Amino acid sequence: PSEQMLLIAILSKLDEFHDSFYRL
């Protein structure tokens, strides 16, 4: 569970970064 939460946080940050460009 702890690793899952950490992975969610990391992947969410990465997704937000790329999505900001994708939406352009």
mmCIF file of all heavy atoms, coordinates in Angstrom:
data_MODEL
# 
_entry.id   MODEL 
# 
loop_
_atom_site.group_PDB 
_atom_site.id 
_atom_site.type_symbol 
_atom_site.label_atom_id 
_atom_site.label_alt_id 
_atom_site.label_comp_id 
_atom_site.label_asym_id 
_atom_site.label_entity_id 
_atom_site.label_seq_id 
_atom_site.pdbx_PDB_ins_code 
_atom_site.Cartn_x 
_atom_site.Cartn_y 
_atom_site.Cartn_z 
_atom_site.occupancy 
_atom_site.B_iso_or_equiv 
_atom_site.pdbx_formal_charge 
_atom_site.auth_seq_id 
_atom_site.auth_comp_id 
_atom_site.auth_asym_id 
_atom_site.auth_atom_id 
_atom_site.pdbx_PDB_model_num 
ATOM 1   N N   . PRO A 1 1  ? 0.798  -1.238 0.000   1.00 0.00 ? 1  PRO A N   1 
ATOM 2   C CA  . PRO A 1 1  ? 0.000  0.000  0.000   1.00 0.00 ? 1  PRO A CA  1 
ATOM 3   C C   . PRO A 1 1  ? 0.827  1.283  0.000   1.00 0.00 ? 1  PRO A C   1 
ATOM 4   O O   . PRO A 1 1  ? 0.492  2.247  -0.694  1.00 0.00 ? 1  PRO A O   1 
ATOM 5   C CB  . PRO A 1 1  ? -0.833 -0.129 1.287   1.00 0.00 ? 1  PRO A CB  1 
ATOM 6   C CG  . PRO A 1 1  ? -0.994 -1.605 1.453   1.00 0.00 ? 1  PRO A CG  1 
ATOM 7   C CD  . PRO A 1 1  ? 0.307  -2.197 1.018   1.00 0.00 ? 1  PRO A CD  1 
ATOM 8   N N   . SER A 1 2  ? 1.911  1.330  0.769   1.00 0.00 ? 2  SER A N   1 
ATOM 9   C CA  . SER A 1 2  ? 2.751  2.527  0.814   1.00 0.00 ? 2  SER A CA  1 
ATOM 10  C C   . SER A 1 2  ? 3.405  2.785  -0.537  1.00 0.00 ? 2  SER A C   1 
ATOM 11  O O   . SER A 1 2  ? 3.475  3.933  -1.002  1.00 0.00 ? 2  SER A O   1 
ATOM 12  C CB  . SER A 1 2  ? 3.838  2.375  1.890   1.00 0.00 ? 2  SER A CB  1 
ATOM 13  O OG  . SER A 1 2  ? 3.263  2.302  3.171   1.00 0.00 ? 2  SER A OG  1 
ATOM 14  N N   . GLU A 1 3  ? 3.876  1.727  -1.173  1.00 0.00 ? 3  GLU A N   1 
ATOM 15  C CA  . GLU A 1 3  ? 4.499  1.862  -2.494  1.00 0.00 ? 3  GLU A CA  1 
ATOM 16  C C   . GLU A 1 3  ? 3.477  2.297  -3.531  1.00 0.00 ? 3  GLU A C   1 
ATOM 17  O O   . GLU A 1 3  ? 3.785  3.079  -4.441  1.00 0.00 ? 3  GLU A O   1 
ATOM 18  C CB  . GLU A 1 3  ? 5.150  0.536  -2.891  1.00 0.00 ? 3  GLU A CB  1 
ATOM 19  C CG  . GLU A 1 3  ? 6.374  0.183  -2.058  1.00 0.00 ? 3  GLU A CG  1 
ATOM 20  C CD  . GLU A 1 3  ? 6.855  -1.239 -2.278  1.00 0.00 ? 3  GLU A CD  1 
ATOM 21  O OE1 . GLU A 1 3  ? 6.014  -2.116 -2.634  1.00 0.00 ? 3  GLU A OE1 1 
ATOM 22  O OE2 . GLU A 1 3  ? 8.061  -1.497 -2.082  1.00 0.00 ? 3  GLU A OE2 1 
ATOM 23  N N   . GLN A 1 4  ? 2.249  1.808  -3.392  1.00 0.00 ? 4  GLN A N   1 
ATOM 24  C CA  . GLN A 1 4  ? 1.195  2.217  -4.318  1.00 0.00 ? 4  GLN A CA  1 
ATOM 25  C C   . GLN A 1 4  ? 0.911  3.709  -4.199  1.00 0.00 ? 4  GLN A C   1 
ATOM 26  O O   . GLN A 1 4  ? 0.756  4.407  -5.203  1.00 0.00 ? 4  GLN A O   1 
ATOM 27  C CB  . GLN A 1 4  ? -0.078 1.419  -4.049  1.00 0.00 ? 4  GLN A CB  1 
ATOM 28  C CG  . GLN A 1 4  ? 0.018  -0.049 -4.433  1.00 0.00 ? 4  GLN A CG  1 
ATOM 29  C CD  . GLN A 1 4  ? -1.278 -0.789 -4.174  1.00 0.00 ? 4  GLN A CD  1 
ATOM 30  O OE1 . GLN A 1 4  ? -2.373 -0.239 -4.314  1.00 0.00 ? 4  GLN A OE1 1 
ATOM 31  N NE2 . GLN A 1 4  ? -1.170 -2.054 -3.777  1.00 0.00 ? 4  GLN A NE2 1 
ATOM 32  N N   . MET A 1 5  ? 0.827  4.211  -2.962  1.00 0.00 ? 5  MET A N   1 
ATOM 33  C CA  . MET A 1 5  ? 0.558  5.637  -2.757  1.00 0.00 ? 5  MET A CA  1 
ATOM 34  C C   . MET A 1 5  ? 1.685  6.502  -3.314  1.00 0.00 ? 5  MET A C   1 
ATOM 35  O O   . MET A 1 5  ? 1.458  7.552  -3.921  1.00 0.00 ? 5  MET A O   1 
ATOM 36  C CB  . MET A 1 5  ? 0.356  5.931  -1.267  1.00 0.00 ? 5  MET A CB  1 
ATOM 37  C CG  . MET A 1 5  ? -0.867 5.278  -0.641  1.00 0.00 ? 5  MET A CG  1 
ATOM 38  S SD  . MET A 1 5  ? -2.421 5.700  -1.458  1.00 0.00 ? 5  MET A SD  1 
ATOM 39  C CE  . MET A 1 5  ? -2.716 4.170  -2.402  1.00 0.00 ? 5  MET A CE  1 
ATOM 40  N N   . LEU A 1 6  ? 2.921  6.047  -3.114  1.00 0.00 ? 6  LEU A N   1 
ATOM 41  C CA  . LEU A 1 6  ? 4.076  6.776  -3.631  1.00 0.00 ? 6  LEU A CA  1 
ATOM 42  C C   . LEU A 1 6  ? 4.060  6.795  -5.152  1.00 0.00 ? 6  LEU A C   1 
ATOM 43  O O   . LEU A 1 6  ? 4.324  7.830  -5.779  1.00 0.00 ? 6  LEU A O   1 
ATOM 44  C CB  . LEU A 1 6  ? 5.371  6.133  -3.120  1.00 0.00 ? 6  LEU A CB  1 
ATOM 45  C CG  . LEU A 1 6  ? 6.684  6.779  -3.578  1.00 0.00 ? 6  LEU A CG  1 
ATOM 46  C CD1 . LEU A 1 6  ? 6.739  8.243  -3.155  1.00 0.00 ? 6  LEU A CD1 1 
ATOM 47  C CD2 . LEU A 1 6  ? 7.878  6.014  -3.020  1.00 0.00 ? 6  LEU A CD2 1 
ATOM 48  N N   . LEU A 1 7  ? 3.724  5.646  -5.746  1.00 0.00 ? 7  LEU A N   1 
ATOM 49  C CA  . LEU A 1 7  ? 3.676  5.558  -7.208  1.00 0.00 ? 7  LEU A CA  1 
ATOM 50  C C   . LEU A 1 7  ? 2.585  6.460  -7.772  1.00 0.00 ? 7  LEU A C   1 
ATOM 51  O O   . LEU A 1 7  ? 2.782  7.124  -8.793  1.00 0.00 ? 7  LEU A O   1 
ATOM 52  C CB  . LEU A 1 7  ? 3.446  4.112  -7.638  1.00 0.00 ? 7  LEU A CB  1 
ATOM 53  C CG  . LEU A 1 7  ? 3.452  3.839  -9.147  1.00 0.00 ? 7  LEU A CG  1 
ATOM 54  C CD1 . LEU A 1 7  ? 4.793  4.240  -9.756  1.00 0.00 ? 7  LEU A CD1 1 
ATOM 55  C CD2 . LEU A 1 7  ? 3.158  2.376  -9.433  1.00 0.00 ? 7  LEU A CD2 1 
ATOM 56  N N   . ILE A 1 8  ? 1.431  6.510  -7.095  1.00 0.00 ? 8  ILE A N   1 
ATOM 57  C CA  . ILE A 1 8  ? 0.347  7.390  -7.534  1.00 0.00 ? 8  ILE A CA  1 
ATOM 58  C C   . ILE A 1 8  ? 0.802  8.848  -7.527  1.00 0.00 ? 8  ILE A C   1 
ATOM 59  O O   . ILE A 1 8  ? 0.548  9.606  -8.468  1.00 0.00 ? 8  ILE A O   1 
ATOM 60  C CB  . ILE A 1 8  ? -0.892 7.217  -6.631  1.00 0.00 ? 8  ILE A CB  1 
ATOM 61  C CG1 . ILE A 1 8  ? -1.547 5.864  -6.888  1.00 0.00 ? 8  ILE A CG1 1 
ATOM 62  C CG2 . ILE A 1 8  ? -1.907 8.342  -6.883  1.00 0.00 ? 8  ILE A CG2 1 
ATOM 63  C CD1 . ILE A 1 8  ? -2.659 5.531  -5.912  1.00 0.00 ? 8  ILE A CD1 1 
ATOM 64  N N   . ALA A 1 9  ? 1.488  9.241  -6.460  1.00 0.00 ? 9  ALA A N   1 
ATOM 65  C CA  . ALA A 1 9  ? 1.969  10.619 -6.348  1.00 0.00 ? 9  ALA A CA  1 
ATOM 66  C C   . ALA A 1 9  ? 2.953  10.956 -7.468  1.00 0.00 ? 9  ALA A C   1 
ATOM 67  O O   . ALA A 1 9  ? 2.866  12.018 -8.090  1.00 0.00 ? 9  ALA A O   1 
ATOM 68  C CB  . ALA A 1 9  ? 2.628  10.832 -4.988  1.00 0.00 ? 9  ALA A CB  1 
ATOM 69  N N   . ILE A 1 10 ? 3.879  10.048 -7.734  1.00 0.00 ? 10 ILE A N   1 
ATOM 70  C CA  . ILE A 1 10 ? 4.897  10.284 -8.757  1.00 0.00 ? 10 ILE A CA  1 
ATOM 71  C C   . ILE A 1 10 ? 4.274  10.321 -10.148 1.00 0.00 ? 10 ILE A C   1 
ATOM 72  O O   . ILE A 1 10 ? 4.534  11.235 -10.942 1.00 0.00 ? 10 ILE A O   1 
ATOM 73  C CB  . ILE A 1 10 ? 5.983  9.201  -8.688  1.00 0.00 ? 10 ILE A CB  1 
ATOM 74  C CG1 . ILE A 1 10 ? 6.789  9.329  -7.391  1.00 0.00 ? 10 ILE A CG1 1 
ATOM 75  C CG2 . ILE A 1 10 ? 6.927  9.295  -9.896  1.00 0.00 ? 10 ILE A CG2 1 
ATOM 76  C CD1 . ILE A 1 10 ? 7.756  8.198  -7.144  1.00 0.00 ? 10 ILE A CD1 1 
ATOM 77  N N   . LEU A 1 11 ? 3.423  9.329  -10.455 1.00 0.00 ? 11 LEU A N   1 
ATOM 78  C CA  . LEU A 1 11 ? 2.818  9.262  -11.784 1.00 0.00 ? 11 LEU A CA  1 
ATOM 79  C C   . LEU A 1 11 ? 1.840  10.412 -12.002 1.00 0.00 ? 11 LEU A C   1 
ATOM 80  O O   . LEU A 1 11 ? 1.716  10.919 -13.116 1.00 0.00 ? 11 LEU A O   1 
ATOM 81  C CB  . LEU A 1 11 ? 2.115  7.919  -11.972 1.00 0.00 ? 11 LEU A CB  1 
ATOM 82  C CG  . LEU A 1 11 ? 3.032  6.690  -12.066 1.00 0.00 ? 11 LEU A CG  1 
ATOM 83  C CD1 . LEU A 1 11 ? 2.215  5.417  -12.231 1.00 0.00 ? 11 LEU A CD1 1 
ATOM 84  C CD2 . LEU A 1 11 ? 4.016  6.829  -13.223 1.00 0.00 ? 11 LEU A CD2 1 
ATOM 85  N N   . SER A 1 12 ? 1.147  10.846 -10.933 1.00 0.00 ? 12 SER A N   1 
ATOM 86  C CA  . SER A 1 12 ? 0.231  11.985 -11.059 1.00 0.00 ? 12 SER A CA  1 
ATOM 87  C C   . SER A 1 12 ? 0.993  13.256 -11.404 1.00 0.00 ? 12 SER A C   1 
ATOM 88  O O   . SER A 1 12 ? 0.559  14.055 -12.239 1.00 0.00 ? 12 SER A O   1 
ATOM 89  C CB  . SER A 1 12 ? -0.554 12.180 -9.759  1.00 0.00 ? 12 SER A CB  1 
ATOM 90  O OG  . SER A 1 12 ? -1.395 11.082 -9.503  1.00 0.00 ? 12 SER A OG  1 
ATOM 91  N N   . LYS A 1 13 ? 2.126  13.449 -10.754 1.00 0.00 ? 13 LYS A N   1 
ATOM 92  C CA  . LYS A 1 13 ? 2.960  14.619 -11.039 1.00 0.00 ? 13 LYS A CA  1 
ATOM 93  C C   . LYS A 1 13 ? 3.450  14.576 -12.486 1.00 0.00 ? 13 LYS A C   1 
ATOM 94  O O   . LYS A 1 13 ? 3.428  15.590 -13.200 1.00 0.00 ? 13 LYS A O   1 
ATOM 95  C CB  . LYS A 1 13 ? 4.154  14.655 -10.085 1.00 0.00 ? 13 LYS A CB  1 
ATOM 96  C CG  . LYS A 1 13 ? 5.088  15.839 -10.321 1.00 0.00 ? 13 LYS A CG  1 
ATOM 97  C CD  . LYS A 1 13 ? 6.237  15.840 -9.312  1.00 0.00 ? 13 LYS A CD  1 
ATOM 98  C CE  . LYS A 1 13 ? 7.163  17.031 -9.546  1.00 0.00 ? 13 LYS A CE  1 
ATOM 99  N NZ  . LYS A 1 13 ? 8.277  17.070 -8.562  1.00 0.00 ? 13 LYS A NZ  1 
ATOM 100 N N   . LEU A 1 14 ? 3.858  13.406 -12.938 1.00 0.00 ? 14 LEU A N   1 
ATOM 101 C CA  . LEU A 1 14 ? 4.352  13.245 -14.302 1.00 0.00 ? 14 LEU A CA  1 
ATOM 102 C C   . LEU A 1 14 ? 3.224  13.454 -15.310 1.00 0.00 ? 14 LEU A C   1 
ATOM 103 O O   . LEU A 1 14 ? 3.409  14.091 -16.352 1.00 0.00 ? 14 LEU A O   1 
ATOM 104 C CB  . LEU A 1 14 ? 4.954  11.848 -14.458 1.00 0.00 ? 14 LEU A CB  1 
ATOM 105 C CG  . LEU A 1 14 ? 5.895  11.584 -15.637 1.00 0.00 ? 14 LEU A CG  1 
ATOM 106 C CD1 . LEU A 1 14 ? 7.062  12.564 -15.631 1.00 0.00 ? 14 LEU A CD1 1 
ATOM 107 C CD2 . LEU A 1 14 ? 6.412  10.151 -15.575 1.00 0.00 ? 14 LEU A CD2 1 
ATOM 108 N N   . ASP A 1 15 ? 2.038  12.935 -14.989 1.00 0.00 ? 15 ASP A N   1 
ATOM 109 C CA  . ASP A 1 15 ? 0.889  13.078 -15.880 1.00 0.00 ? 15 ASP A CA  1 
ATOM 110 C C   . ASP A 1 15 ? 0.477  14.538 -16.014 1.00 0.00 ? 15 ASP A C   1 
ATOM 111 O O   . ASP A 1 15 ? 0.174  15.019 -17.114 1.00 0.00 ? 15 ASP A O   1 
ATOM 112 C CB  . ASP A 1 15 ? -0.283 12.250 -15.348 1.00 0.00 ? 15 ASP A CB  1 
ATOM 113 C CG  . ASP A 1 15 ? -1.507 12.351 -16.232 1.00 0.00 ? 15 ASP A CG  1 
ATOM 114 O OD1 . ASP A 1 15 ? -1.474 11.820 -17.357 1.00 0.00 ? 15 ASP A OD1 1 
ATOM 115 O OD2 . ASP A 1 15 ? -2.500 12.985 -15.813 1.00 0.00 ? 15 ASP A OD2 1 
ATOM 116 N N   . GLU A 1 16 ? 0.464  15.268 -14.907 1.00 0.00 ? 16 GLU A N   1 
ATOM 117 C CA  . GLU A 1 16 ? 0.101  16.687 -14.936 1.00 0.00 ? 16 GLU A CA  1 
ATOM 118 C C   . GLU A 1 16 ? 1.076  17.482 -15.801 1.00 0.00 ? 16 GLU A C   1 
ATOM 119 O O   . GLU A 1 16 ? 0.680  18.393 -16.536 1.00 0.00 ? 16 GLU A O   1 
ATOM 120 C CB  . GLU A 1 16 ? 0.076  17.250 -13.519 1.00 0.00 ? 16 GLU A CB  1 
ATOM 121 C CG  . GLU A 1 16 ? -1.091 16.750 -12.681 1.00 0.00 ? 16 GLU A CG  1 
ATOM 122 C CD  . GLU A 1 16 ? -0.997 17.187 -11.235 1.00 0.00 ? 16 GLU A CD  1 
ATOM 123 O OE1 . GLU A 1 16 ? -0.087 17.979 -10.924 1.00 0.00 ? 16 GLU A OE1 1 
ATOM 124 O OE2 . GLU A 1 16 ? -1.822 16.742 -10.421 1.00 0.00 ? 16 GLU A OE2 1 
ATOM 125 N N   . PHE A 1 17 ? 2.360  17.141 -15.705 1.00 0.00 ? 17 PHE A N   1 
ATOM 126 C CA  . PHE A 1 17 ? 3.371  17.838 -16.502 1.00 0.00 ? 17 PHE A CA  1 
ATOM 127 C C   . PHE A 1 17 ? 3.111  17.643 -17.987 1.00 0.00 ? 17 PHE A C   1 
ATOM 128 O O   . PHE A 1 17 ? 3.050  18.603 -18.765 1.00 0.00 ? 17 PHE A O   1 
ATOM 129 C CB  . PHE A 1 17 ? 4.764  17.319 -16.143 1.00 0.00 ? 17 PHE A CB  1 
ATOM 130 C CG  . PHE A 1 17 ? 5.866  17.828 -17.032 1.00 0.00 ? 17 PHE A CG  1 
ATOM 131 C CD1 . PHE A 1 17 ? 6.406  19.087 -16.836 1.00 0.00 ? 17 PHE A CD1 1 
ATOM 132 C CD2 . PHE A 1 17 ? 6.348  17.049 -18.076 1.00 0.00 ? 17 PHE A CD2 1 
ATOM 133 C CE1 . PHE A 1 17 ? 7.411  19.572 -17.666 1.00 0.00 ? 17 PHE A CE1 1 
ATOM 134 C CE2 . PHE A 1 17 ? 7.354  17.517 -18.905 1.00 0.00 ? 17 PHE A CE2 1 
ATOM 135 C CZ  . PHE A 1 17 ? 7.881  18.782 -18.701 1.00 0.00 ? 17 PHE A CZ  1 
ATOM 136 N N   . HIS A 1 18 ? 2.945  16.396 -18.406 1.00 0.00 ? 18 HIS A N   1 
ATOM 137 C CA  . HIS A 1 18 ? 2.770  16.113 -19.832 1.00 0.00 ? 18 HIS A CA  1 
ATOM 138 C C   . HIS A 1 18 ? 1.405  16.577 -20.335 1.00 0.00 ? 18 HIS A C   1 
ATOM 139 O O   . HIS A 1 18 ? 1.289  17.036 -21.482 1.00 0.00 ? 18 HIS A O   1 
ATOM 140 C CB  . HIS A 1 18 ? 2.961  14.620 -20.097 1.00 0.00 ? 18 HIS A CB  1 
ATOM 141 C CG  . HIS A 1 18 ? 4.368  14.157 -19.892 1.00 0.00 ? 18 HIS A CG  1 
ATOM 142 N ND1 . HIS A 1 18 ? 5.419  14.601 -20.670 1.00 0.00 ? 18 HIS A ND1 1 
ATOM 143 C CD2 . HIS A 1 18 ? 4.904  13.299 -18.988 1.00 0.00 ? 18 HIS A CD2 1 
ATOM 144 C CE1 . HIS A 1 18 ? 6.540  14.035 -20.261 1.00 0.00 ? 18 HIS A CE1 1 
ATOM 145 N NE2 . HIS A 1 18 ? 6.256  13.246 -19.234 1.00 0.00 ? 18 HIS A NE2 1 
ATOM 146 N N   . ASP A 1 19 ? 0.383  16.481 -19.485 1.00 0.00 ? 19 ASP A N   1 
ATOM 147 C CA  . ASP A 1 19 ? -0.952 16.887 -19.905 1.00 0.00 ? 19 ASP A CA  1 
ATOM 148 C C   . ASP A 1 19 ? -1.011 18.381 -20.194 1.00 0.00 ? 19 ASP A C   1 
ATOM 149 O O   . ASP A 1 19 ? -1.756 18.823 -21.076 1.00 0.00 ? 19 ASP A O   1 
ATOM 150 C CB  . ASP A 1 19 ? -1.970 16.522 -18.815 1.00 0.00 ? 19 ASP A CB  1 
ATOM 151 C CG  . ASP A 1 19 ? -3.400 16.755 -19.259 1.00 0.00 ? 19 ASP A CG  1 
ATOM 152 O OD1 . ASP A 1 19 ? -3.813 16.116 -20.244 1.00 0.00 ? 19 ASP A OD1 1 
ATOM 153 O OD2 . ASP A 1 19 ? -4.094 17.577 -18.633 1.00 0.00 ? 19 ASP A OD2 1 
ATOM 154 N N   . SER A 1 20 ? -0.205 19.175 -19.483 1.00 0.00 ? 20 SER A N   1 
ATOM 155 C CA  . SER A 1 20 ? -0.199 20.620 -19.705 1.00 0.00 ? 20 SER A CA  1 
ATOM 156 C C   . SER A 1 20 ? 0.253  20.960 -21.126 1.00 0.00 ? 20 SER A C   1 
ATOM 157 O O   . SER A 1 20 ? -0.185 21.957 -21.704 1.00 0.00 ? 20 SER A O   1 
ATOM 158 C CB  . SER A 1 20 ? 0.713  21.312 -18.685 1.00 0.00 ? 20 SER A CB  1 
ATOM 159 O OG  . SER A 1 20 ? 2.071  20.939 -18.872 1.00 0.00 ? 20 SER A OG  1 
ATOM 160 N N   . PHE A 1 21 ? 1.109  20.133 -21.696 1.00 0.00 ? 21 PHE A N   1 
ATOM 161 C CA  . PHE A 1 21 ? 1.556  20.343 -23.080 1.00 0.00 ? 21 PHE A CA  1 
ATOM 162 C C   . PHE A 1 21 ? 0.597  19.685 -24.066 1.00 0.00 ? 21 PHE A C   1 
ATOM 163 O O   . PHE A 1 21 ? 0.322  20.224 -25.141 1.00 0.00 ? 21 PHE A O   1 
ATOM 164 C CB  . PHE A 1 21 ? 2.967  19.775 -23.282 1.00 0.00 ? 21 PHE A CB  1 
ATOM 165 C CG  . PHE A 1 21 ? 4.025  20.513 -22.511 1.00 0.00 ? 21 PHE A CG  1 
ATOM 166 C CD1 . PHE A 1 21 ? 4.489  20.030 -21.300 1.00 0.00 ? 21 PHE A CD1 1 
ATOM 167 C CD2 . PHE A 1 21 ? 4.556  21.704 -22.988 1.00 0.00 ? 21 PHE A CD2 1 
ATOM 168 C CE1 . PHE A 1 21 ? 5.457  20.704 -20.577 1.00 0.00 ? 21 PHE A CE1 1 
ATOM 169 C CE2 . PHE A 1 21 ? 5.526  22.391 -22.275 1.00 0.00 ? 21 PHE A CE2 1 
ATOM 170 C CZ  . PHE A 1 21 ? 5.978  21.885 -21.066 1.00 0.00 ? 21 PHE A CZ  1 
ATOM 171 N N   . TYR A 1 22 ? 0.078  18.530 -23.693 1.00 0.00 ? 22 TYR A N   1 
ATOM 172 C CA  . TYR A 1 22 ? -0.839 17.807 -24.566 1.00 0.00 ? 22 TYR A CA  1 
ATOM 173 C C   . TYR A 1 22 ? -2.072 18.642 -24.875 1.00 0.00 ? 22 TYR A C   1 
ATOM 174 O O   . TYR A 1 22 ? -2.591 18.622 -26.004 1.00 0.00 ? 22 TYR A O   1 
ATOM 175 C CB  . TYR A 1 22 ? -1.231 16.487 -23.902 1.00 0.00 ? 22 TYR A CB  1 
ATOM 176 C CG  . TYR A 1 22 ? -2.208 15.648 -24.694 1.00 0.00 ? 22 TYR A CG  1 
ATOM 177 C CD1 . TYR A 1 22 ? -1.791 14.935 -25.819 1.00 0.00 ? 22 TYR A CD1 1 
ATOM 178 C CD2 . TYR A 1 22 ? -3.548 15.568 -24.317 1.00 0.00 ? 22 TYR A CD2 1 
ATOM 179 C CE1 . TYR A 1 22 ? -2.680 14.168 -26.541 1.00 0.00 ? 22 TYR A CE1 1 
ATOM 180 C CE2 . TYR A 1 22 ? -4.444 14.800 -25.031 1.00 0.00 ? 22 TYR A CE2 1 
ATOM 181 C CZ  . TYR A 1 22 ? -4.007 14.100 -26.144 1.00 0.00 ? 22 TYR A CZ  1 
ATOM 182 O OH  . TYR A 1 22 ? -4.900 13.333 -26.866 1.00 0.00 ? 22 TYR A OH  1 
ATOM 183 N N   . ARG A 1 23 ? -2.541 19.406 -23.888 1.00 0.00 ? 23 ARG A N   1 
ATOM 184 C CA  . ARG A 1 23 ? -3.744 20.218 -24.058 1.00 0.00 ? 23 ARG A CA  1 
ATOM 185 C C   . ARG A 1 23 ? -3.533 21.407 -24.994 1.00 0.00 ? 23 ARG A C   1 
ATOM 186 O O   . ARG A 1 23 ? -4.495 22.061 -25.400 1.00 0.00 ? 23 ARG A O   1 
ATOM 187 C CB  . ARG A 1 23 ? -4.240 20.710 -22.700 1.00 0.00 ? 23 ARG A CB  1 
ATOM 188 C CG  . ARG A 1 23 ? -4.825 19.613 -21.833 1.00 0.00 ? 23 ARG A CG  1 
ATOM 189 C CD  . ARG A 1 23 ? -5.313 20.137 -20.494 1.00 0.00 ? 23 ARG A CD  1 
ATOM 190 N NE  . ARG A 1 23 ? -5.876 19.079 -19.677 1.00 0.00 ? 23 ARG A NE  1 
ATOM 191 C CZ  . ARG A 1 23 ? -7.122 18.648 -19.763 1.00 0.00 ? 23 ARG A CZ  1 
ATOM 192 N NH1 . ARG A 1 23 ? -7.934 19.197 -20.657 1.00 0.00 ? 23 ARG A NH1 1 
ATOM 193 N NH2 . ARG A 1 23 ? -7.564 17.684 -19.002 1.00 0.00 ? 23 ARG A NH2 1 
ATOM 194 N N   . LEU A 1 24 ? -2.286 21.694 -25.323 1.00 0.00 ? 24 LEU A N   1 
ATOM 195 C CA  . LEU A 1 24 ? -2.009 22.794 -26.247 1.00 0.00 ? 24 LEU A CA  1 
ATOM 196 C C   . LEU A 1 24 ? -2.267 22.409 -27.697 1.00 0.00 ? 24 LEU A C   1 
ATOM 197 O O   . LEU A 1 24 ? -2.283 23.265 -28.587 1.00 0.00 ? 24 LEU A O   1 
ATOM 198 C CB  . LEU A 1 24 ? -0.542 23.246 -26.093 1.00 0.00 ? 24 LEU A CB  1 
ATOM 199 C CG  . LEU A 1 24 ? -0.149 23.813 -24.726 1.00 0.00 ? 24 LEU A CG  1 
ATOM 200 C CD1 . LEU A 1 24 ? 1.346  24.134 -24.697 1.00 0.00 ? 24 LEU A CD1 1 
ATOM 201 C CD2 . LEU A 1 24 ? -0.961 25.065 -24.415 1.00 0.00 ? 24 LEU A CD2 1 
# 
